Protein backbone atom coordinates (compact mmCIF):
# COMPACT_ATOMS: atom_id res chain seq x y z
CA MET A 1 104.91 211.76 -100.50
CA THR A 2 101.44 212.21 -101.94
CA LEU A 3 99.78 215.56 -101.39
CA HIS A 4 96.03 215.60 -101.63
CA LEU A 5 93.16 218.03 -101.08
CA ASP A 6 89.83 216.28 -100.86
CA GLN A 7 87.11 218.42 -102.37
CA LYS A 8 84.39 215.95 -101.51
CA GLY A 9 85.22 216.34 -97.87
CA ARG A 10 84.78 220.07 -98.10
CA GLU A 11 81.51 219.89 -100.00
CA LYS A 12 79.96 217.53 -97.48
CA ASP A 13 81.17 219.54 -94.50
CA GLY A 14 78.04 221.24 -93.23
CA SER A 15 80.05 224.01 -91.60
CA MET A 16 81.30 225.30 -94.95
CA GLU A 17 79.68 227.01 -97.90
CA SER A 18 79.79 225.67 -101.43
CA SER A 19 82.71 226.76 -103.58
CA GLU A 20 80.28 228.56 -105.91
CA ALA A 21 78.91 230.68 -103.07
CA VAL A 22 82.39 231.44 -101.84
CA GLN A 23 83.57 232.40 -105.34
CA SER A 24 80.64 234.75 -105.73
CA ARG A 25 81.42 236.60 -102.54
CA LEU A 26 85.14 236.53 -103.15
CA LYS A 27 84.70 238.99 -105.98
CA ARG A 28 83.21 241.69 -103.82
CA LEU A 29 84.84 242.53 -100.51
CA SER A 30 87.79 240.83 -98.94
CA PRO A 31 91.10 242.69 -99.00
CA SER A 32 93.41 241.90 -101.91
CA PHE A 33 96.50 239.91 -101.40
CA THR A 34 98.58 243.06 -101.58
CA PHE A 35 97.69 246.67 -101.92
CA GLU A 36 99.15 246.94 -105.41
CA GLU A 37 96.68 246.28 -108.21
CA LEU A 38 99.42 244.20 -109.86
CA TRP A 39 99.21 241.35 -107.41
CA GLU A 40 95.48 241.81 -106.87
CA LEU A 41 94.63 241.28 -110.55
CA HIS A 42 96.90 238.28 -110.90
CA GLN A 43 95.52 236.61 -107.79
CA GLN A 44 91.88 237.68 -107.60
CA SER A 45 90.60 234.58 -109.40
CA ALA A 46 92.32 232.51 -106.75
CA ARG A 47 91.42 234.31 -103.58
CA GLY A 48 89.41 237.52 -104.17
CA GLY A 49 86.95 238.70 -101.52
CA MET A 50 83.50 237.97 -100.12
CA THR A 51 80.60 240.06 -98.88
CA LEU A 52 78.33 239.01 -96.02
CA ARG A 53 75.25 240.19 -94.20
CA LYS A 54 73.74 239.23 -90.83
CA LYS A 55 75.57 236.32 -89.34
CA ARG A 56 76.92 235.20 -92.67
CA MET A 57 80.56 234.61 -93.23
CA ILE A 58 83.26 235.93 -95.45
CA LEU A 59 86.67 234.45 -95.83
CA GLY A 60 89.25 235.79 -98.26
CA TYR A 61 91.25 232.62 -98.05
CA ALA A 62 88.34 230.29 -98.95
CA VAL A 63 89.53 230.05 -102.56
CA ILE A 64 92.95 228.62 -102.71
CA LEU A 65 95.77 229.23 -105.21
CA CYS A 66 98.89 231.01 -103.81
CA ALA A 67 101.87 229.00 -102.72
CA ILE A 68 102.75 229.35 -99.07
CA LEU A 69 105.13 227.11 -97.15
CA LEU A 70 105.57 227.03 -93.44
CA THR A 71 107.97 225.30 -91.10
CA GLY A 72 105.43 222.96 -89.54
CA ILE A 73 104.33 222.00 -86.11
CA GLY A 74 107.36 220.01 -84.92
CA LEU A 75 107.51 217.52 -82.07
CA TYR A 76 104.55 216.51 -79.94
CA SER A 77 104.08 214.89 -76.58
CA PRO A 78 105.18 211.24 -76.55
CA SER A 79 101.65 210.36 -75.46
CA VAL A 80 100.46 211.17 -78.95
CA GLY A 81 102.47 208.25 -80.24
CA ALA A 82 105.55 207.79 -82.37
CA ALA A 83 103.56 208.06 -85.58
CA LEU A 84 102.79 211.72 -84.87
CA GLN A 85 106.32 212.79 -84.03
CA LYS A 86 108.10 215.02 -86.53
CA VAL A 87 104.94 215.40 -88.63
CA PHE A 88 104.89 218.92 -90.03
CA PHE A 89 101.17 219.48 -90.16
CA ILE A 90 101.08 223.14 -91.12
CA ASP A 91 103.82 222.77 -93.71
CA LEU A 92 101.87 220.02 -95.45
CA PHE A 93 98.63 221.94 -95.06
CA TYR A 94 99.98 224.91 -96.99
CA LYS A 95 101.66 222.81 -99.64
CA ASN A 96 98.29 221.21 -100.15
CA VAL A 97 95.77 224.03 -100.09
CA ARG A 98 98.05 226.57 -101.78
CA GLY A 99 95.75 229.23 -100.43
CA GLY A 100 95.40 232.97 -100.32
CA MET A 101 96.04 232.87 -96.60
CA ASN A 102 98.60 234.96 -94.81
CA SER A 103 101.80 233.39 -93.58
CA GLY A 104 101.23 233.88 -89.87
CA LEU A 105 100.70 230.21 -89.06
CA TYR A 106 104.46 229.85 -89.21
CA GLN A 107 104.54 231.23 -85.71
CA ILE A 108 102.60 228.36 -84.14
CA GLU A 109 105.62 226.12 -84.43
CA ARG A 110 108.26 228.83 -84.06
CA GLN A 111 106.85 230.06 -80.76
CA ASN A 112 105.39 226.75 -79.52
CA LEU A 113 101.89 228.21 -79.37
CA GLY A 114 99.89 225.03 -79.93
CA THR A 115 98.37 222.89 -77.20
CA ALA A 116 99.32 219.23 -77.56
CA THR A 117 96.60 216.66 -76.91
CA ASP A 118 96.38 212.88 -76.89
CA VAL A 119 92.64 212.76 -77.56
CA SER A 120 92.01 209.64 -79.62
CA VAL A 121 89.06 207.50 -80.67
CA THR A 122 88.84 204.25 -82.64
CA ASP A 123 85.89 202.87 -84.58
CA GLN A 124 85.56 200.54 -87.56
CA ASN A 125 89.29 199.77 -87.24
CA ILE A 126 90.11 203.41 -87.93
CA GLN A 127 91.83 205.51 -85.29
CA LEU A 128 91.62 209.31 -85.19
CA THR A 129 94.08 211.16 -82.95
CA VAL A 130 93.95 214.92 -82.37
CA ALA A 131 97.58 216.00 -82.06
CA GLU A 132 97.35 219.73 -81.43
CA VAL A 133 94.93 222.63 -81.12
CA PHE A 134 95.75 226.33 -81.51
CA TYR A 135 93.63 229.44 -80.86
CA ASP A 136 94.59 233.13 -80.76
CA GLY A 137 91.20 234.83 -80.54
CA ILE A 138 90.99 235.23 -84.31
CA GLN A 139 91.33 231.73 -85.70
CA PHE A 140 91.81 228.19 -84.50
CA VAL A 141 93.77 225.31 -85.96
CA VAL A 142 93.26 221.59 -85.37
CA ASN A 143 95.86 219.02 -86.44
CA TYR A 144 95.03 215.32 -86.42
CA GLN A 145 96.13 211.95 -87.77
CA VAL A 146 94.04 209.06 -89.04
CA ASP A 147 95.38 205.49 -88.97
CA TYR A 148 93.73 202.60 -90.83
CA LEU A 149 94.61 199.78 -88.46
CA LYS A 150 93.88 196.90 -90.82
CA LYS A 151 93.94 198.34 -94.32
CA LYS A 152 97.12 197.55 -96.23
CA LYS A 153 97.20 200.58 -98.53
CA ILE A 154 94.92 203.60 -98.49
CA THR A 155 93.96 205.69 -101.50
CA GLU A 156 93.10 209.35 -101.92
CA GLU A 157 89.45 208.40 -101.51
CA ASP A 158 90.28 207.10 -98.03
CA ALA A 159 92.06 210.32 -97.04
CA ALA A 160 89.11 212.47 -96.04
CA VAL A 161 87.33 213.40 -92.83
CA TYR A 162 83.70 214.54 -92.92
CA TYR A 163 83.21 216.67 -89.85
CA ASN A 164 81.08 219.31 -88.20
CA TYR A 165 82.54 221.75 -85.68
CA LYS A 166 80.64 223.40 -82.85
CA PHE A 167 81.41 224.85 -79.45
CA LYS A 168 79.79 224.00 -76.16
CA ASP A 169 77.67 226.92 -74.94
CA ALA A 170 78.79 229.15 -77.83
CA HIS A 171 77.63 229.68 -81.41
CA PRO A 172 80.21 231.85 -83.16
CA THR A 173 80.17 232.70 -86.82
CA MET A 174 83.03 230.81 -88.44
CA ILE A 175 84.25 229.44 -91.73
CA GLY A 176 87.46 227.83 -92.85
CA THR A 177 89.24 225.29 -94.94
CA HIS A 178 91.19 222.07 -94.53
CA ALA A 179 93.67 219.75 -96.21
CA PHE A 180 94.55 216.07 -95.99
CA THR A 181 97.93 214.51 -96.80
CA ILE A 182 98.69 210.81 -97.12
CA THR A 183 101.81 210.06 -95.08
CA SER A 184 102.10 206.26 -95.35
CA ASP A 185 100.33 203.20 -96.74
CA HIS A 186 97.83 203.24 -93.88
CA ALA A 187 97.79 206.78 -92.48
CA PHE A 188 97.07 210.39 -93.39
CA ILE A 189 97.09 213.67 -91.53
CA GLY A 190 94.66 216.57 -91.62
CA THR A 191 94.68 220.21 -90.66
CA THR A 192 91.66 222.46 -90.36
CA VAL A 193 91.96 226.24 -90.07
CA PHE A 194 88.91 228.24 -89.03
CA ASN A 195 88.38 231.97 -88.90
CA THR A 196 85.99 232.68 -86.03
CA GLU A 197 84.34 235.30 -83.90
CA PRO A 198 85.67 235.62 -80.31
CA LEU A 199 85.03 232.59 -78.14
CA PRO A 200 84.31 232.44 -74.41
CA GLU A 201 87.14 231.66 -72.00
CA ASN A 202 88.03 227.96 -71.79
CA ALA A 203 85.80 227.02 -74.70
CA ARG A 204 85.54 223.37 -75.67
CA LEU A 205 85.42 222.37 -79.31
CA GLN A 206 83.14 219.48 -80.21
CA ILE A 207 84.08 217.74 -83.45
CA GLU A 208 81.40 215.48 -84.87
CA ILE A 209 82.86 212.94 -87.29
CA ARG A 210 80.53 210.32 -88.71
CA ARG A 211 82.51 209.39 -91.81
CA ILE A 212 86.18 208.93 -92.65
CA GLY A 213 87.00 208.18 -96.27
CA THR A 214 84.32 205.76 -97.44
CA THR A 215 83.62 204.34 -93.98
CA ASP A 216 80.73 205.39 -91.75
CA GLY A 217 81.24 205.35 -88.00
CA ASN A 218 81.55 207.58 -84.95
CA TRP A 219 84.78 209.42 -84.18
CA ASP A 220 83.31 212.33 -82.20
CA VAL A 221 85.86 214.10 -79.98
CA THR A 222 85.92 217.14 -77.69
CA VAL A 223 89.09 219.21 -77.30
CA PRO A 224 89.95 222.32 -75.25
CA VAL A 225 90.47 225.70 -76.93
CA SER A 226 92.57 228.04 -74.82
CA LEU A 227 94.13 231.51 -75.13
CA ASN A 228 96.72 230.73 -72.45
CA LYS A 229 99.69 230.72 -74.82
CA ALA A 230 98.65 233.43 -77.27
CA LYS A 231 97.17 235.97 -74.85
CA PRO A 232 100.45 237.11 -73.22
CA LEU A 233 101.78 237.86 -76.72
CA THR A 234 98.66 239.68 -77.88
CA LYS A 235 98.25 243.46 -78.12
CA ILE A 236 94.80 245.08 -78.42
CA VAL A 237 94.40 248.69 -79.55
CA ARG A 238 91.07 250.54 -79.55
CA PRO A 239 91.58 253.56 -81.85
CA GLN A 240 87.93 254.70 -82.13
CA ILE A 241 88.91 256.73 -85.21
CA ALA A 242 86.16 257.80 -87.63
CA GLY A 243 86.63 257.93 -91.40
CA ASP A 244 84.71 258.58 -94.60
CA TYR A 245 85.15 257.18 -98.11
CA GLU A 246 82.97 258.98 -100.67
CA GLY A 247 80.16 259.41 -98.17
CA LYS A 248 80.48 255.94 -96.68
CA LYS A 249 81.24 256.45 -93.02
CA PHE A 250 83.12 253.97 -90.86
CA MET A 251 84.98 253.80 -87.56
CA VAL A 252 88.14 251.86 -86.74
CA ASP A 253 86.96 250.21 -83.56
CA GLN A 254 89.70 247.76 -82.58
CA ILE A 255 92.96 246.23 -83.78
CA THR A 256 94.23 242.96 -82.35
CA PHE A 257 97.85 241.93 -82.91
CA THR A 258 98.57 238.27 -82.14
CA PRO A 259 101.70 236.23 -82.90
CA VAL A 260 99.83 234.60 -85.78
CA GLY A 261 97.66 237.36 -87.21
CA THR A 262 96.21 240.84 -87.09
CA GLN A 263 92.52 241.70 -87.02
CA VAL A 264 90.96 245.10 -87.66
CA VAL A 265 87.35 245.59 -86.52
CA ILE A 266 85.42 248.24 -88.45
CA LYS A 267 82.05 249.62 -87.42
CA THR A 268 80.06 250.70 -90.47
CA ASP A 269 76.61 250.70 -92.02
CA HIS A 270 78.28 249.82 -95.35
CA SER A 271 79.50 246.34 -94.46
CA GLY A 272 80.69 244.56 -97.57
CA SER A 273 81.02 247.62 -99.80
CA LEU A 274 84.48 248.77 -98.74
CA SER A 275 87.85 247.02 -98.91
CA TYR A 276 90.56 247.43 -96.32
CA PHE A 277 94.35 247.20 -96.49
CA LEU A 278 96.98 247.60 -93.82
CA GLU A 279 100.62 248.72 -93.76
CA ASP A 280 103.11 249.54 -91.01
CA ASP A 281 105.17 252.68 -90.50
CA LEU A 282 107.79 251.41 -92.96
CA GLU A 283 105.06 251.03 -95.62
CA THR A 284 105.38 247.26 -95.40
CA HIS A 285 102.08 245.78 -96.49
CA PHE A 286 100.28 243.17 -94.43
CA ASP A 287 98.99 240.12 -96.30
CA GLY A 288 95.21 239.90 -96.45
CA GLY A 289 93.54 236.97 -94.72
CA GLY A 290 89.82 237.42 -95.32
CA GLY A 291 87.33 238.21 -92.59
CA MET A 292 83.75 238.20 -91.46
CA GLY A 293 81.02 240.81 -91.52
CA GLY A 294 77.45 241.68 -90.69
CA ASN A 295 75.29 243.62 -88.26
CA GLY A 296 77.22 246.84 -88.84
CA GLU A 297 80.65 245.30 -88.29
CA ASP A 298 83.49 244.08 -90.50
CA ARG A 299 86.30 241.93 -89.08
CA ASN A 300 89.26 242.02 -91.45
CA ASN A 301 92.17 239.64 -90.95
CA PHE A 302 95.78 240.22 -91.95
CA SER A 303 99.19 238.68 -91.41
CA PRO A 304 101.06 239.34 -88.15
CA LEU A 305 103.57 242.12 -87.67
CA SER A 306 106.79 241.56 -89.58
CA GLU A 307 109.88 240.22 -87.86
CA ILE A 308 111.91 243.19 -89.06
CA ASN A 309 109.43 245.66 -87.55
CA PRO A 310 107.63 243.93 -84.66
CA LYS A 311 106.60 247.13 -82.83
CA PRO A 312 105.79 249.90 -85.31
CA ALA A 313 104.96 253.35 -83.96
CA TYR A 314 101.79 253.26 -86.03
CA VAL A 315 99.97 251.34 -88.72
CA THR A 316 97.95 252.80 -91.57
CA LEU A 317 94.57 251.50 -92.67
CA LEU A 318 93.85 252.10 -96.36
CA VAL A 319 90.19 252.10 -97.36
CA LYS A 320 88.85 251.92 -100.89
CA ASP A 321 85.98 250.59 -102.96
CA LEU A 322 87.25 248.04 -105.46
CA THR A 323 83.88 247.78 -107.19
CA SER A 324 84.22 251.36 -108.43
CA GLU A 325 87.47 250.67 -110.27
CA GLN A 326 87.35 250.22 -114.01
CA SER A 327 89.33 247.11 -114.92
CA ASN A 328 88.92 247.85 -118.64
CA THR A 329 91.53 250.59 -118.28
CA LEU A 330 94.17 247.97 -117.45
CA GLN A 331 97.05 247.09 -119.72
CA GLN A 332 99.79 244.61 -118.89
CA ARG A 333 103.45 245.01 -119.66
CA GLU A 334 106.16 242.38 -119.40
CA GLU A 335 109.80 243.04 -118.60
CA TYR A 336 112.56 240.47 -119.12
CA ALA A 337 116.14 239.89 -118.04
CA ASP A 338 118.31 236.79 -118.44
CA TYR A 339 120.17 235.20 -115.56
CA THR A 340 123.36 233.49 -116.72
CA GLY A 341 125.23 233.49 -113.43
CA PRO A 342 126.32 235.84 -110.64
CA GLY A 343 128.06 238.08 -113.15
CA SER A 344 124.74 238.97 -114.77
CA LEU A 345 123.54 240.71 -111.59
CA PRO A 346 122.44 243.21 -110.53
CA VAL A 347 119.79 243.78 -113.18
CA THR A 348 117.06 246.42 -113.11
CA LEU A 349 113.55 245.99 -114.53
CA LYS A 350 111.08 248.78 -115.18
CA GLY A 351 108.29 248.57 -112.61
CA ALA A 352 104.91 250.25 -112.13
CA ARG A 353 104.32 254.00 -112.12
CA GLY A 354 107.84 254.84 -113.19
CA GLY A 355 109.45 252.75 -110.46
CA LYS A 356 112.10 250.05 -110.65
CA VAL A 357 112.81 246.56 -109.37
CA THR A 358 116.48 245.66 -109.08
CA ILE A 359 117.40 242.00 -108.68
CA THR A 360 120.58 241.86 -106.62
CA ASP A 361 121.30 238.19 -105.97
CA VAL A 362 120.17 234.59 -106.49
CA GLN A 363 120.99 231.75 -104.11
CA PHE A 364 120.54 228.11 -105.11
CA LEU A 365 119.71 226.00 -102.08
CA GLU A 366 119.28 222.24 -101.85
CA ASP A 367 115.51 222.37 -102.33
CA SER A 368 114.80 225.92 -103.52
CA ALA A 369 116.08 229.10 -105.13
CA VAL A 370 116.04 232.45 -103.33
CA VAL A 371 115.89 235.72 -105.25
CA TYR A 372 116.90 238.98 -103.56
CA TYR A 373 115.63 242.27 -104.94
CA GLU A 374 115.20 245.93 -104.03
CA ALA A 375 112.30 248.11 -105.14
CA SER A 376 112.62 251.81 -105.75
CA ASP A 377 109.42 252.61 -103.85
CA ALA A 378 106.50 251.14 -101.93
CA VAL A 379 104.40 250.67 -105.07
CA ASN A 380 106.89 248.14 -106.46
CA GLN A 381 107.86 246.37 -103.25
CA ARG A 382 105.80 243.26 -104.05
CA PRO A 383 106.31 242.58 -107.76
CA PHE A 384 104.78 239.70 -109.69
CA LEU A 385 108.09 238.08 -110.63
CA ILE A 386 108.22 234.80 -112.52
CA LEU A 387 111.27 232.64 -113.30
CA GLU A 388 111.15 230.94 -116.71
CA ASP A 389 113.57 228.25 -117.88
CA SER A 390 114.69 227.52 -121.42
CA SER A 391 111.82 225.05 -121.95
CA GLY A 392 109.25 227.72 -121.11
CA GLU A 393 108.36 226.26 -117.72
CA ARG A 394 107.44 228.99 -115.25
CA PHE A 395 108.08 229.08 -111.53
CA THR A 396 106.32 231.36 -109.04
CA SER A 397 107.38 232.05 -105.48
CA GLN A 398 106.58 229.42 -102.86
CA LYS A 399 106.45 231.82 -99.95
CA LYS A 400 105.49 235.41 -99.36
CA GLU A 401 108.25 237.92 -99.86
CA VAL A 402 110.22 238.73 -96.71
CA ARG A 403 111.54 242.23 -96.12
CA THR A 404 115.24 242.22 -95.25
CA SER A 405 115.91 245.90 -94.54
CA ARG A 406 114.25 248.66 -92.54
CA ASP A 407 115.99 251.36 -94.59
CA SER A 408 115.03 250.24 -98.08
CA PHE A 409 112.42 248.13 -99.87
CA ALA A 410 114.75 245.14 -99.98
CA TYR A 411 113.14 241.70 -100.01
CA LYS A 412 113.79 238.04 -100.70
CA LEU A 413 111.53 235.57 -102.52
CA GLN A 414 111.73 231.78 -102.36
CA TYR A 415 111.05 229.67 -105.44
CA PRO A 416 111.01 225.88 -106.02
CA LYS A 417 114.24 224.15 -106.93
CA LEU A 418 115.04 225.04 -110.53
CA PRO A 419 116.12 222.47 -113.15
CA SER A 420 118.90 224.79 -114.34
CA ASP A 421 120.97 227.71 -113.11
CA ARG A 422 120.14 229.58 -116.32
CA PHE A 423 116.73 231.19 -116.63
CA THR A 424 114.85 234.40 -117.41
CA PHE A 425 113.30 236.86 -114.96
CA LYS A 426 109.83 237.84 -116.12
CA LEU A 427 108.18 240.80 -114.40
CA ILE A 428 104.49 241.39 -115.12
CA VAL A 429 103.43 244.98 -114.54
CA ASN A 430 99.91 246.38 -114.53
CA GLU A 431 99.33 249.83 -115.95
CA TYR A 432 96.11 251.81 -116.17
CA SER A 433 95.06 254.34 -118.76
CA GLN A 434 92.94 255.75 -115.95
CA GLU A 435 94.59 255.40 -112.55
CA PRO A 436 92.37 254.03 -109.74
CA LYS A 437 91.25 256.43 -107.05
CA GLU A 438 93.55 256.87 -104.11
CA PRO A 439 92.43 255.16 -100.91
CA VAL A 440 91.53 256.98 -97.72
CA LYS A 441 94.39 256.59 -95.23
CA ILE A 442 93.82 256.31 -91.48
CA LYS A 443 96.94 256.56 -89.34
CA ILE A 444 96.62 254.58 -86.10
CA PRO A 445 99.23 255.19 -83.37
CA ILE A 446 100.25 252.23 -81.20
CA ASP A 447 101.50 252.53 -77.64
CA TRP A 448 103.59 249.44 -76.90
CA GLU A 449 104.20 250.32 -73.25
């Protein structure tokens, strides 16, 4: 199956900024992929952060380089047509964009949160069918399929949709990304994920499409956007807790927990100058997912609560200023250990700040390899661990690490299928001759009753 991300489609999409503008902002605000500087410095060129002012948008996941796989969207209403059944839209989306986005979209399929639709329009012998729409108050997702009714074999140039999104009677700030995947000789699917400001109840999304691939036409459609499925599973907390980081004052105004993501709203006159991180009461870090800011407010998006700790007694917001850190004090260290079979485990590698990472098991599945490890402390719970075979080929994890224990920092990581069951663990550790300043920590209690 061909996987394809059409850059031309993104550049011509009027609702999105140029990649140069996004890259510029990505270096300044949005929360790092993990709290540890280790992962931040290895991923910042791929996802980084953005700074915005007045009605301008930031999105940490606009630059795309981290592998994330999801389970997909699953089965749809028969009215959508047989061609759309068993198409795993979100799975293919993440394989394609390989983005610095959190893994929460898994839950759309797992909890059946999407709204199926049979909205379809045909023009120029090209049919566009919207299969499903999802909205949780923080972001919306649109999955669709395009069928070339008379073309014998489409190319990557044909697999693109040039669109503009807007809402009837609403003008929210929003920005996002998309991916297209060719699924047969005459069809491809697309998924668009947008980060948006809150929408009015029963909003209707108008999608203007005047070009598909190299063909001009009119495939405009209007689809409903509803909170009906996500709202009962959403928890909103209004902490109203004030904080100060080196004279920069802020207030934690609201936290929204949805099945798919978490959003922290910060009121501050220093929008764009501070970076925010989040962890639960087990010190499990939330993945960063970008955000939006302006007019004295920052909206910072993170992954949803973890399955192992779905109702923490509190979460902690960590606030720091990444621009004040001196990257020239960084030195990198590499630790190695050979894997020659189950008898070579466990093996312990020296981690950051005197900590350790112990690899306890490796499982070889039909299409992947899963590595189990335990960190000695919170600092080392999300190591940058590479698998390297005898030819020097390197493999990085396909999915975010999943915590497997409440009582220890035990995790599992999934990698692609390896060509051999003999390889080397390579741990890359960041060390600083001058340690970065400690963040300000804001503890936020949560009443789940």
